[in-house]
Amino acid sequence: MTDSIDALRARVNAFVEARDWAQFHSPKNLAMAMIVEAAEVVEHFQWMTEADSRQLDEATKQQVGQELADTFVYLMRIAEVCGIDLIQAANAKIDLNAQKYPVEKCRGSNAKYTEYQ
């Protein structure tokens, strides 16, 4: 088991390398594969109520977890192929969102930042 992003990335890269799959892992192909997996996540929730979506049974939770894992692995591969540090990019995006969505203007609201700037 791996318990860090770096260890997981190394494991995924070794998995891909052992199978000679890097040749198929263009950013375009990886992005399309990731969105297919994300759609499979959505499929589990498609006809649920809000309340049901918050209380998944164990079987559904496991299935959703598998689809989230597939999505996450493809996300990691896109970042790897494009040379993007996901941790750095996520932190930079949170910093940007903190500017766009200051607490005093948006707490408890789901309005887009353009509605109050």
C-alpha atoms as a PDB file:
ATOM      1  CA  MET A   1       0.000   0.000   0.000  1.00  0.00           C
ATOM      2  CA  THR A   2       1.136   3.521  -0.650  1.00  0.00           C
ATOM      3  CA  ASP A   3       0.211   6.369   1.625  1.00  0.00           C
ATOM      4  CA  SER A   4       1.630   9.375  -0.179  1.00  0.00           C
ATOM      5  CA  ILE A   5       1.090  11.041  -3.535  1.00  0.00           C
ATOM      6  CA  ASP A   6       4.737  10.517  -4.496  1.00  0.00           C
ATOM      7  CA  ALA A   7       4.639   6.813  -3.667  1.00  0.00           C
ATOM      8  CA  LEU A   8       1.358   6.350  -5.525  1.00  0.00           C
ATOM      9  CA  ARG A   9       2.659   8.244  -8.543  1.00  0.00           C
ATOM     10  CA  ALA A  10       5.752   5.994  -8.590  1.00  0.00           C
ATOM     11  CA  ARG A  11       3.549   2.908  -8.345  1.00  0.00           C
ATOM     12  CA  VAL A  12       1.306   4.068 -11.191  1.00  0.00           C
ATOM     13  CA  ASN A  13       4.323   4.952 -13.331  1.00  0.00           C
ATOM     14  CA  ALA A  14       5.866   1.511 -12.715  1.00  0.00           C
ATOM     15  CA  PHE A  15       2.543  -0.139 -13.581  1.00  0.00           C
ATOM     16  CA  VAL A  16       2.356   1.800 -16.866  1.00  0.00           C
ATOM     17  CA  GLU A  17       6.023   1.192 -17.707  1.00  0.00           C
ATOM     18  CA  ALA A  18       5.802  -2.565 -17.086  1.00  0.00           C
ATOM     19  CA  ARG A  19       2.967  -2.775 -19.621  1.00  0.00           C
ATOM     20  CA  ASP A  20       4.523  -0.363 -22.153  1.00  0.00           C
ATOM     21  CA  TRP A  21       1.401   1.797 -22.023  1.00  0.00           C
ATOM     22  CA  ALA A  22       3.083   5.208 -21.982  1.00  0.00           C
ATOM     23  CA  GLN A  23       2.894   5.177 -25.780  1.00  0.00           C
ATOM     24  CA  PHE A  24      -0.897   5.443 -25.452  1.00  0.00           C
ATOM     25  CA  HIS A  25      -0.875   8.057 -22.703  1.00  0.00           C
ATOM     26  CA  SER A  26      -1.068  11.327 -24.585  1.00  0.00           C
ATOM     27  CA  PRO A  27      -2.691  14.166 -22.635  1.00  0.00           C
ATOM     28  CA  LYS A  28      -5.658  13.936 -25.029  1.00  0.00           C
ATOM     29  CA  ASN A  29      -6.179  10.207 -24.481  1.00  0.00           C
ATOM     30  CA  LEU A  30      -5.715  10.483 -20.723  1.00  0.00           C
ATOM     31  CA  ALA A  31      -8.152  13.403 -20.484  1.00  0.00           C
ATOM     32  CA  MET A  32     -10.773  11.466 -22.415  1.00  0.00           C
ATOM     33  CA  ALA A  33     -10.247   8.359 -20.273  1.00  0.00           C
ATOM     34  CA  MET A  34     -10.484  10.446 -17.098  1.00  0.00           C
ATOM     35  CA  ILE A  35     -13.769  12.018 -18.130  1.00  0.00           C
ATOM     36  CA  VAL A  36     -15.220   8.603 -18.987  1.00  0.00           C
ATOM     37  CA  GLU A  37     -14.337   7.419 -15.479  1.00  0.00           C
ATOM     38  CA  ALA A  38     -15.770  10.607 -13.960  1.00  0.00           C
ATOM     39  CA  ALA A  39     -19.000   9.935 -15.866  1.00  0.00           C
ATOM     40  CA  GLU A  40     -19.056   6.468 -14.303  1.00  0.00           C
ATOM     41  CA  VAL A  41     -18.917   8.154 -10.881  1.00  0.00           C
ATOM     42  CA  VAL A  42     -21.873  10.332 -11.851  1.00  0.00           C
ATOM     43  CA  GLU A  43     -23.802   7.311 -13.097  1.00  0.00           C
ATOM     44  CA  HIS A  44     -24.005   5.937  -9.551  1.00  0.00           C
ATOM     45  CA  PHE A  45     -25.705   9.136  -8.344  1.00  0.00           C
ATOM     46  CA  GLN A  46     -27.811   9.891 -11.408  1.00  0.00           C
ATOM     47  CA  TRP A  47     -31.246   8.985 -10.052  1.00  0.00           C
ATOM     48  CA  MET A  48     -30.609   9.311  -6.330  1.00  0.00           C
ATOM     49  CA  THR A  49     -32.153  11.957  -4.163  1.00  0.00           C
ATOM     50  CA  GLU A  50     -29.871  14.416  -2.353  1.00  0.00           C
ATOM     51  CA  ALA A  51     -30.438  12.474   0.852  1.00  0.00           C
ATOM     52  CA  ASP A  52     -29.675   9.098  -0.755  1.00  0.00           C
ATOM     53  CA  SER A  53     -26.436  10.456  -2.221  1.00  0.00           C
ATOM     54  CA  ARG A  54     -25.263  11.266   1.314  1.00  0.00           C
ATOM     55  CA  GLN A  55     -26.000   7.778   2.660  1.00  0.00           C
ATOM     56  CA  LEU A  56     -24.449   5.219   0.328  1.00  0.00           C
ATOM     57  CA  ASP A  57     -24.692   1.547   1.183  1.00  0.00           C
ATOM     58  CA  GLU A  58     -21.390  -0.319   1.409  1.00  0.00           C
ATOM     59  CA  ALA A  59     -21.637  -1.908  -2.049  1.00  0.00           C
ATOM     60  CA  THR A  60     -22.322   1.425  -3.750  1.00  0.00           C
ATOM     61  CA  LYS A  61     -19.607   3.124  -1.718  1.00  0.00           C
ATOM     62  CA  GLN A  62     -17.114   0.486  -2.914  1.00  0.00           C
ATOM     63  CA  GLN A  63     -18.195   0.902  -6.550  1.00  0.00           C
ATOM     64  CA  VAL A  64     -17.984   4.698  -6.338  1.00  0.00           C
ATOM     65  CA  GLY A  65     -14.563   4.334  -4.711  1.00  0.00           C
ATOM     66  CA  GLN A  66     -13.339   2.242  -7.626  1.00  0.00           C
ATOM     67  CA  GLU A  67     -14.522   4.812 -10.158  1.00  0.00           C
ATOM     68  CA  LEU A  68     -13.002   7.660  -8.132  1.00  0.00           C
ATOM     69  CA  ALA A  69      -9.731   5.717  -8.021  1.00  0.00           C
ATOM     70  CA  ASP A  70      -9.778   5.296 -11.816  1.00  0.00           C
ATOM     71  CA  THR A  71     -10.452   9.018 -12.222  1.00  0.00           C
ATOM     72  CA  PHE A  72      -7.665   9.883  -9.775  1.00  0.00           C
ATOM     73  CA  VAL A  73      -5.123   7.627 -11.502  1.00  0.00           C
ATOM     74  CA  TYR A  74      -5.871   9.200 -14.887  1.00  0.00           C
ATOM     75  CA  LEU A  75      -5.591  12.662 -13.321  1.00  0.00           C
ATOM     76  CA  MET A  76      -2.189  11.721 -11.918  1.00  0.00           C
ATOM     77  CA  ARG A  77      -1.067  10.394 -15.313  1.00  0.00           C
ATOM     78  CA  ILE A  78      -2.139  13.578 -17.128  1.00  0.00           C
ATOM     79  CA  ALA A  79      -0.186  15.639 -14.607  1.00  0.00           C
ATOM     80  CA  GLU A  80       2.831  13.339 -14.986  1.00  0.00           C
ATOM     81  CA  VAL A  81       2.779  13.469 -18.792  1.00  0.00           C
ATOM     82  CA  CYS A  82       2.314  17.264 -18.795  1.00  0.00           C
ATOM     83  CA  GLY A  83       4.926  17.880 -16.076  1.00  0.00           C
ATOM     84  CA  ILE A  84       2.444  19.452 -13.655  1.00  0.00           C
ATOM     85  CA  ASP A  85       2.941  19.210  -9.898  1.00  0.00           C
ATOM     86  CA  LEU A  86      -0.617  18.547  -8.717  1.00  0.00           C
ATOM     87  CA  ILE A  87       0.043  19.571  -5.114  1.00  0.00           C
ATOM     88  CA  GLN A  88       1.548  22.879  -6.215  1.00  0.00           C
ATOM     89  CA  ALA A  89      -1.239  23.449  -8.761  1.00  0.00           C
ATOM     90  CA  ALA A  90      -3.959  22.661  -6.192  1.00  0.00           C
ATOM     91  CA  ASN A  91      -2.422  24.990  -3.615  1.00  0.00           C
ATOM     92  CA  ALA A  92      -2.142  27.778  -6.198  1.00  0.00           C
ATOM     93  CA  LYS A  93      -5.777  27.244  -7.201  1.00  0.00           C
ATOM     94  CA  ILE A  94      -6.946  27.350  -3.568  1.00  0.00           C
ATOM     95  CA  ASP A  95      -5.042  30.627  -3.154  1.00  0.00           C
ATOM     96  CA  LEU A  96      -6.745  32.016  -6.266  1.00  0.00           C
ATOM     97  CA  ASN A  97     -10.170  30.819  -5.073  1.00  0.00           C
ATOM     98  CA  ALA A  98      -9.579  32.438  -1.683  1.00  0.00           C
ATOM     99  CA  GLN A  99      -9.206  35.763  -3.511  1.00  0.00           C
ATOM    100  CA  LYS A 100     -12.269  35.145  -5.690  1.00  0.00           C
ATOM    101  CA  TYR A 101     -14.398  33.892  -2.797  1.00  0.00           C
ATOM    102  CA  PRO A 102     -13.530  35.903   0.325  1.00  0.00           C
ATOM    103  CA  VAL A 103     -15.225  34.519   3.429  1.00  0.00           C
ATOM    104  CA  GLU A 104     -16.962  37.788   4.243  1.00  0.00           C
ATOM    105  CA  LYS A 105     -18.688  37.838   0.829  1.00  0.00           C
ATOM    106  CA  CYS A 106     -19.497  34.211   0.212  1.00  0.00           C
ATOM    107  CA  ARG A 107     -19.919  32.340   3.498  1.00  0.00           C
ATOM    108  CA  GLY A 108     -23.024  30.179   3.216  1.00  0.00           C
ATOM    109  CA  SER A 109     -23.668  31.193  -0.387  1.00  0.00           C
ATOM    110  CA  ASN A 110     -23.252  29.178  -3.578  1.00  0.00           C
ATOM    111  CA  ALA A 111     -23.229  32.287  -5.791  1.00  0.00           C
ATOM    112  CA  LYS A 112     -20.481  32.522  -8.394  1.00  0.00           C
ATOM    113  CA  TYR A 113     -17.869  35.165  -7.602  1.00  0.00           C
ATOM    114  CA  THR A 114     -18.995  37.272 -10.584  1.00  0.00           C
ATOM    115  CA  GLU A 115     -22.318  37.879  -8.785  1.00  0.00           C
ATOM    116  CA  TYR A 116     -20.765  39.889  -5.948  1.00  0.00           C
ATOM    117  CA  GLN A 117     -17.645  41.488  -7.374  1.00  0.00           C
END
